[in-house]
């Protein structure tokens, strides 16, 4: 039986390649039916905002990769409520569906559910 994987994405979409790499890992794992989930934490929640202007920052847009997650079977998507609040973001304004917003104590329980955890 495949081991389950939780990918914790902590970087903003424009701070370098980390956000894209986390999505690439999720898409690859999903393509091989690996049981996995993604948690957007800290600046990683900024990836969930719609209408990002990646071209102005000379970065590649990750919106298509985010939208492709469900097509690759990655449907367990989580965001940290505290990270959202610290950045003035509301769950209703995010571009991901379905997205589960978790409190800090729920995040610890989420991490414990997975065999392997990658933080990027």
N, C-alpha and C. Protein backbone atom coordinates (compact mmCIF):
# COMPACT_ATOMS: atom_id res chain seq x y z
N UNK A 1 0.84 -1.17 0.00
CA UNK A 1 0.00 0.00 0.00
C UNK A 1 0.89 1.25 0.00
N UNK A 2 0.57 2.24 -0.84
CA UNK A 2 1.39 3.45 -0.87
C UNK A 2 1.31 4.21 0.44
N UNK A 3 2.39 4.84 0.79
CA UNK A 3 2.43 5.66 1.99
C UNK A 3 1.79 7.00 1.69
N UNK A 4 1.13 7.58 2.67
CA UNK A 4 0.48 8.87 2.47
C UNK A 4 1.49 10.00 2.66
N UNK A 5 1.22 11.12 1.98
CA UNK A 5 2.15 12.24 1.96
C UNK A 5 1.39 13.54 2.17
N UNK A 6 1.90 14.38 3.05
CA UNK A 6 1.39 15.72 3.25
C UNK A 6 2.47 16.69 2.78
N UNK A 7 2.10 17.59 1.87
CA UNK A 7 3.02 18.61 1.38
C UNK A 7 2.61 19.93 2.03
N UNK A 8 3.52 20.53 2.76
CA UNK A 8 3.27 21.81 3.40
C UNK A 8 3.98 22.88 2.58
N UNK A 9 3.19 23.75 1.99
CA UNK A 9 3.73 24.82 1.15
C UNK A 9 3.72 26.12 1.94
N UNK A 10 4.91 26.67 2.20
CA UNK A 10 5.04 27.83 3.08
C UNK A 10 5.51 29.09 2.38
N UNK A 11 5.75 29.03 1.08
CA UNK A 11 6.32 30.17 0.36
C UNK A 11 5.28 30.85 -0.51
N UNK A 12 5.42 32.15 -0.67
CA UNK A 12 4.51 32.89 -1.55
C UNK A 12 4.79 32.48 -2.99
N UNK A 13 3.84 32.71 -3.88
CA UNK A 13 4.02 32.28 -5.26
C UNK A 13 5.09 33.05 -6.01
N UNK A 14 5.52 34.19 -5.49
CA UNK A 14 6.48 35.02 -6.21
C UNK A 14 7.83 35.15 -5.50
N UNK A 15 8.06 34.37 -4.47
CA UNK A 15 9.32 34.48 -3.72
C UNK A 15 10.41 33.56 -4.24
N UNK A 16 10.13 32.84 -5.30
CA UNK A 16 11.10 31.91 -5.86
C UNK A 16 10.40 30.66 -6.34
N UNK A 17 11.16 29.60 -6.59
CA UNK A 17 10.57 28.40 -7.18
C UNK A 17 9.87 27.46 -6.20
N UNK A 18 9.92 27.73 -4.92
CA UNK A 18 9.41 26.77 -3.93
C UNK A 18 7.93 26.46 -4.09
N UNK A 19 7.10 27.46 -4.33
CA UNK A 19 5.66 27.23 -4.47
C UNK A 19 5.39 26.32 -5.66
N UNK A 20 6.05 26.59 -6.78
CA UNK A 20 5.88 25.76 -7.97
C UNK A 20 6.39 24.34 -7.72
N UNK A 21 7.50 24.20 -7.02
CA UNK A 21 8.04 22.86 -6.73
C UNK A 21 7.08 22.05 -5.87
N UNK A 22 6.46 22.70 -4.89
CA UNK A 22 5.49 21.99 -4.05
C UNK A 22 4.32 21.49 -4.89
N UNK A 23 3.84 22.32 -5.80
CA UNK A 23 2.75 21.91 -6.68
C UNK A 23 3.18 20.80 -7.63
N UNK A 24 4.40 20.88 -8.13
CA UNK A 24 4.90 19.82 -9.02
C UNK A 24 4.96 18.47 -8.30
N UNK A 25 5.39 18.48 -7.05
CA UNK A 25 5.43 17.24 -6.27
C UNK A 25 4.01 16.70 -6.10
N UNK A 26 3.08 17.58 -5.79
CA UNK A 26 1.68 17.15 -5.59
C UNK A 26 1.10 16.58 -6.89
N UNK A 27 1.34 17.24 -8.01
CA UNK A 27 0.82 16.76 -9.28
C UNK A 27 1.44 15.42 -9.67
N UNK A 28 2.74 15.27 -9.43
CA UNK A 28 3.41 14.00 -9.74
C UNK A 28 2.88 12.88 -8.85
N UNK A 29 2.74 13.16 -7.57
CA UNK A 29 2.20 12.16 -6.65
C UNK A 29 0.78 11.78 -7.00
N UNK A 30 -0.01 12.77 -7.37
CA UNK A 30 -1.39 12.50 -7.77
C UNK A 30 -1.47 11.66 -9.02
N UNK A 31 -0.55 11.89 -9.95
CA UNK A 31 -0.54 11.11 -11.19
C UNK A 31 -0.27 9.64 -10.92
N UNK A 32 0.42 9.34 -9.83
CA UNK A 32 0.72 7.95 -9.47
C UNK A 32 -0.20 7.45 -8.35
N UNK A 33 -1.32 8.12 -8.15
CA UNK A 33 -2.33 7.73 -7.16
C UNK A 33 -1.79 7.62 -5.74
N UNK A 34 -0.79 8.42 -5.43
CA UNK A 34 -0.27 8.47 -4.07
C UNK A 34 -1.27 9.22 -3.20
N UNK A 35 -1.67 8.67 -2.06
CA UNK A 35 -2.58 9.41 -1.18
C UNK A 35 -1.86 10.62 -0.59
N UNK A 36 -2.28 11.80 -1.02
CA UNK A 36 -1.59 12.99 -0.54
C UNK A 36 -2.53 14.16 -0.36
N UNK A 37 -2.05 15.14 0.40
CA UNK A 37 -2.78 16.37 0.67
C UNK A 37 -1.79 17.51 0.66
N UNK A 38 -2.33 18.72 0.54
CA UNK A 38 -1.50 19.92 0.63
C UNK A 38 -2.03 20.82 1.73
N UNK A 39 -1.09 21.39 2.47
CA UNK A 39 -1.41 22.37 3.51
C UNK A 39 -0.68 23.66 3.15
N UNK A 40 -1.44 24.74 3.03
CA UNK A 40 -0.88 26.06 2.75
C UNK A 40 -0.74 26.79 4.07
N UNK A 41 0.50 27.14 4.41
CA UNK A 41 0.83 27.67 5.72
C UNK A 41 1.71 28.90 5.55
N UNK A 42 1.68 29.81 6.50
CA UNK A 42 2.48 31.04 6.45
C UNK A 42 2.23 31.77 5.13
N UNK A 43 3.28 32.21 4.42
CA UNK A 43 3.09 32.92 3.16
C UNK A 43 2.55 32.01 2.06
N UNK A 44 2.52 30.72 2.28
CA UNK A 44 1.98 29.79 1.31
C UNK A 44 0.50 30.05 1.02
N UNK A 45 -0.22 30.64 1.97
CA UNK A 45 -1.64 30.94 1.74
C UNK A 45 -1.81 31.98 0.64
N UNK A 46 -0.79 32.77 0.37
CA UNK A 46 -0.87 33.77 -0.69
C UNK A 46 -1.02 33.14 -2.07
N UNK A 47 -0.65 31.87 -2.20
CA UNK A 47 -0.84 31.16 -3.45
C UNK A 47 -2.32 31.01 -3.80
N UNK A 48 -3.17 31.07 -2.80
CA UNK A 48 -4.59 30.80 -2.97
C UNK A 48 -5.40 32.02 -3.42
N UNK A 49 -4.76 33.19 -3.49
CA UNK A 49 -5.46 34.39 -3.94
C UNK A 49 -5.68 34.34 -5.45
N UNK A 50 -6.86 34.72 -5.91
CA UNK A 50 -7.12 34.73 -7.36
C UNK A 50 -6.46 35.94 -8.02
N UNK A 51 -6.36 35.89 -9.33
CA UNK A 51 -5.90 37.01 -10.16
C UNK A 51 -4.54 37.55 -9.75
N UNK A 52 -3.56 36.68 -9.71
CA UNK A 52 -2.21 37.12 -9.39
C UNK A 52 -1.52 37.59 -10.67
N UNK A 53 -0.66 38.57 -10.56
CA UNK A 53 0.03 39.15 -11.71
C UNK A 53 1.47 38.67 -11.76
N UNK A 54 1.65 37.43 -12.10
CA UNK A 54 2.99 36.83 -12.10
C UNK A 54 3.89 37.45 -13.17
N UNK A 55 3.33 37.85 -14.29
CA UNK A 55 4.14 38.41 -15.37
C UNK A 55 4.83 39.70 -14.93
N UNK A 56 4.14 40.53 -14.17
CA UNK A 56 4.74 41.77 -13.70
C UNK A 56 5.95 41.50 -12.81
N UNK A 57 5.96 40.38 -12.15
CA UNK A 57 7.07 40.01 -11.27
C UNK A 57 8.08 39.11 -11.97
N UNK A 58 7.88 38.89 -13.26
CA UNK A 58 8.74 38.03 -14.07
C UNK A 58 8.82 36.61 -13.48
N UNK A 59 7.67 36.13 -13.04
CA UNK A 59 7.54 34.77 -12.52
C UNK A 59 6.53 34.02 -13.37
N UNK A 60 6.53 32.72 -13.30
CA UNK A 60 5.51 31.92 -13.97
C UNK A 60 4.27 31.86 -13.10
N UNK A 61 3.12 31.93 -13.75
CA UNK A 61 1.84 31.87 -13.05
C UNK A 61 1.57 30.43 -12.60
N UNK A 62 1.21 30.24 -11.33
CA UNK A 62 0.96 28.89 -10.82
C UNK A 62 -0.53 28.57 -10.76
N UNK A 63 -1.37 29.48 -11.23
CA UNK A 63 -2.82 29.28 -11.15
C UNK A 63 -3.26 28.00 -11.84
N UNK A 64 -2.74 27.73 -13.02
CA UNK A 64 -3.12 26.52 -13.76
C UNK A 64 -2.75 25.26 -12.97
N UNK A 65 -1.58 25.28 -12.33
CA UNK A 65 -1.16 24.12 -11.53
C UNK A 65 -2.09 23.92 -10.34
N UNK A 66 -2.49 25.00 -9.69
CA UNK A 66 -3.42 24.89 -8.57
C UNK A 66 -4.76 24.31 -9.02
N UNK A 67 -5.24 24.77 -10.16
CA UNK A 67 -6.52 24.28 -10.66
C UNK A 67 -6.43 22.84 -11.13
N UNK A 68 -5.25 22.38 -11.51
CA UNK A 68 -5.08 21.01 -12.00
C UNK A 68 -5.02 19.99 -10.87
N UNK A 69 -4.84 20.42 -9.64
CA UNK A 69 -4.70 19.48 -8.53
C UNK A 69 -5.85 18.48 -8.48
N UNK A 70 -7.07 18.96 -8.59
CA UNK A 70 -8.22 18.04 -8.50
C UNK A 70 -8.24 17.05 -9.66
N UNK A 71 -7.78 17.46 -10.84
CA UNK A 71 -7.74 16.55 -11.99
C UNK A 71 -6.74 15.41 -11.77
N UNK A 72 -5.76 15.65 -10.90
CA UNK A 72 -4.75 14.64 -10.59
C UNK A 72 -5.08 13.91 -9.29
N UNK A 73 -6.27 14.11 -8.78
CA UNK A 73 -6.71 13.39 -7.60
C UNK A 73 -6.27 14.00 -6.28
N UNK A 74 -5.72 15.19 -6.31
CA UNK A 74 -5.31 15.87 -5.08
C UNK A 74 -6.48 16.75 -4.65
N UNK A 75 -7.30 16.21 -3.77
CA UNK A 75 -8.51 16.91 -3.37
C UNK A 75 -8.51 17.34 -1.91
N UNK A 76 -7.54 16.88 -1.14
CA UNK A 76 -7.45 17.26 0.26
C UNK A 76 -6.53 18.47 0.38
N UNK A 77 -7.16 19.65 0.37
CA UNK A 77 -6.43 20.91 0.42
C UNK A 77 -6.80 21.64 1.70
N UNK A 78 -5.77 22.11 2.41
CA UNK A 78 -5.97 22.73 3.71
C UNK A 78 -5.22 24.06 3.76
N UNK A 79 -5.75 25.00 4.54
CA UNK A 79 -5.08 26.27 4.79
C UNK A 79 -5.16 26.59 6.27
N UNK A 80 -4.16 27.26 6.75
CA UNK A 80 -4.08 27.65 8.16
C UNK A 80 -4.89 28.92 8.40
N UNK A 81 -5.85 28.84 9.31
CA UNK A 81 -6.69 30.00 9.64
C UNK A 81 -5.85 31.17 10.16
N UNK A 82 -4.87 30.89 10.99
CA UNK A 82 -4.01 31.94 11.54
C UNK A 82 -3.22 32.63 10.44
N UNK A 83 -2.66 31.85 9.51
CA UNK A 83 -1.89 32.44 8.41
C UNK A 83 -2.77 33.34 7.55
N UNK A 84 -4.00 32.91 7.30
CA UNK A 84 -4.94 33.73 6.53
C UNK A 84 -5.22 35.03 7.27
N UNK A 85 -5.54 34.93 8.55
CA UNK A 85 -5.89 36.11 9.35
C UNK A 85 -4.74 37.10 9.44
N UNK A 86 -3.51 36.59 9.61
CA UNK A 86 -2.34 37.46 9.70
C UNK A 86 -2.11 38.25 8.42
N UNK A 87 -2.61 37.75 7.31
CA UNK A 87 -2.43 38.41 6.01
C UNK A 87 -3.70 39.11 5.54
N UNK A 88 -4.68 39.19 6.43
CA UNK A 88 -5.92 39.89 6.11
C UNK A 88 -6.76 39.21 5.05
N UNK A 89 -6.64 37.89 4.96
CA UNK A 89 -7.35 37.13 3.93
C UNK A 89 -8.56 36.43 4.55
N UNK A 90 -9.64 36.37 3.76
CA UNK A 90 -10.84 35.66 4.17
C UNK A 90 -10.99 34.39 3.35
N UNK A 91 -11.43 33.29 3.95
CA UNK A 91 -11.58 32.04 3.20
C UNK A 91 -12.48 32.17 1.97
N UNK A 92 -13.48 33.04 2.03
CA UNK A 92 -14.41 33.21 0.92
C UNK A 92 -13.77 33.81 -0.33
N UNK A 93 -12.65 34.52 -0.17
CA UNK A 93 -12.03 35.17 -1.31
C UNK A 93 -10.94 34.33 -1.98
N UNK A 94 -10.78 33.09 -1.55
CA UNK A 94 -9.71 32.25 -2.09
C UNK A 94 -10.18 31.49 -3.32
N UNK A 95 -9.21 31.09 -4.14
CA UNK A 95 -9.53 30.50 -5.44
C UNK A 95 -9.63 28.98 -5.42
N UNK A 96 -9.48 28.34 -4.29
CA UNK A 96 -9.48 26.88 -4.25
C UNK A 96 -10.79 26.35 -3.69
N UNK A 97 -11.29 25.31 -4.33
CA UNK A 97 -12.49 24.61 -3.85
C UNK A 97 -12.24 23.12 -3.98
N UNK A 98 -12.56 22.29 -3.07
CA UNK A 98 -12.86 22.63 -1.68
C UNK A 98 -11.57 22.87 -0.91
N UNK A 99 -11.60 23.80 -0.03
CA UNK A 99 -10.46 24.13 0.81
C UNK A 99 -10.93 24.08 2.25
N UNK A 100 -10.22 23.34 3.07
CA UNK A 100 -10.55 23.21 4.48
C UNK A 100 -9.64 24.14 5.28
N UNK A 101 -10.23 25.07 6.00
CA UNK A 101 -9.47 26.01 6.81
C UNK A 101 -9.37 25.47 8.22
N UNK A 102 -8.14 25.33 8.71
CA UNK A 102 -7.89 24.67 10.00
C UNK A 102 -7.31 25.62 11.04
N UNK A 103 -7.67 25.38 12.29
CA UNK A 103 -7.05 26.07 13.42
C UNK A 103 -5.70 25.40 13.71
N UNK A 104 -4.87 26.07 14.48
CA UNK A 104 -3.52 25.56 14.76
C UNK A 104 -3.54 24.15 15.35
N UNK A 105 -4.42 23.88 16.31
CA UNK A 105 -4.45 22.56 16.92
C UNK A 105 -4.92 21.48 15.94
N UNK A 106 -5.73 21.86 14.97
CA UNK A 106 -6.16 20.90 13.94
C UNK A 106 -5.03 20.57 12.98
N UNK A 107 -4.12 21.52 12.80
CA UNK A 107 -2.97 21.28 11.91
C UNK A 107 -2.07 20.20 12.49
N UNK A 108 -1.84 20.23 13.78
CA UNK A 108 -1.02 19.20 14.41
C UNK A 108 -1.63 17.82 14.20
N UNK A 109 -2.94 17.71 14.34
CA UNK A 109 -3.63 16.43 14.11
C UNK A 109 -3.54 16.02 12.65
N UNK A 110 -3.63 16.98 11.74
CA UNK A 110 -3.51 16.68 10.31
C UNK A 110 -2.14 16.09 9.99
N UNK A 111 -1.10 16.71 10.50
CA UNK A 111 0.27 16.23 10.25
C UNK A 111 0.44 14.81 10.76
N UNK A 112 -0.15 14.50 11.91
CA UNK A 112 -0.04 13.16 12.48
C UNK A 112 -0.72 12.09 11.63
N UNK A 113 -1.66 12.46 10.78
CA UNK A 113 -2.40 11.50 9.95
C UNK A 113 -1.58 10.96 8.78
N UNK A 114 -0.49 11.64 8.43
CA UNK A 114 0.26 11.27 7.23
C UNK A 114 1.57 10.56 7.59
N UNK A 115 1.93 9.60 6.71
CA UNK A 115 3.16 8.84 6.94
C UNK A 115 4.41 9.68 6.71
N UNK A 116 4.33 10.56 5.70
CA UNK A 116 5.49 11.41 5.36
C UNK A 116 5.01 12.83 5.18
N UNK A 117 5.86 13.78 5.58
CA UNK A 117 5.54 15.19 5.46
C UNK A 117 6.74 15.89 4.81
N UNK A 118 6.44 16.67 3.78
CA UNK A 118 7.46 17.47 3.10
C UNK A 118 7.08 18.93 3.31
N UNK A 119 8.01 19.74 3.79
CA UNK A 119 7.78 21.17 3.94
C UNK A 119 8.64 21.91 2.94
N UNK A 120 7.98 22.72 2.14
CA UNK A 120 8.70 23.46 1.11
C UNK A 120 8.41 24.93 1.29
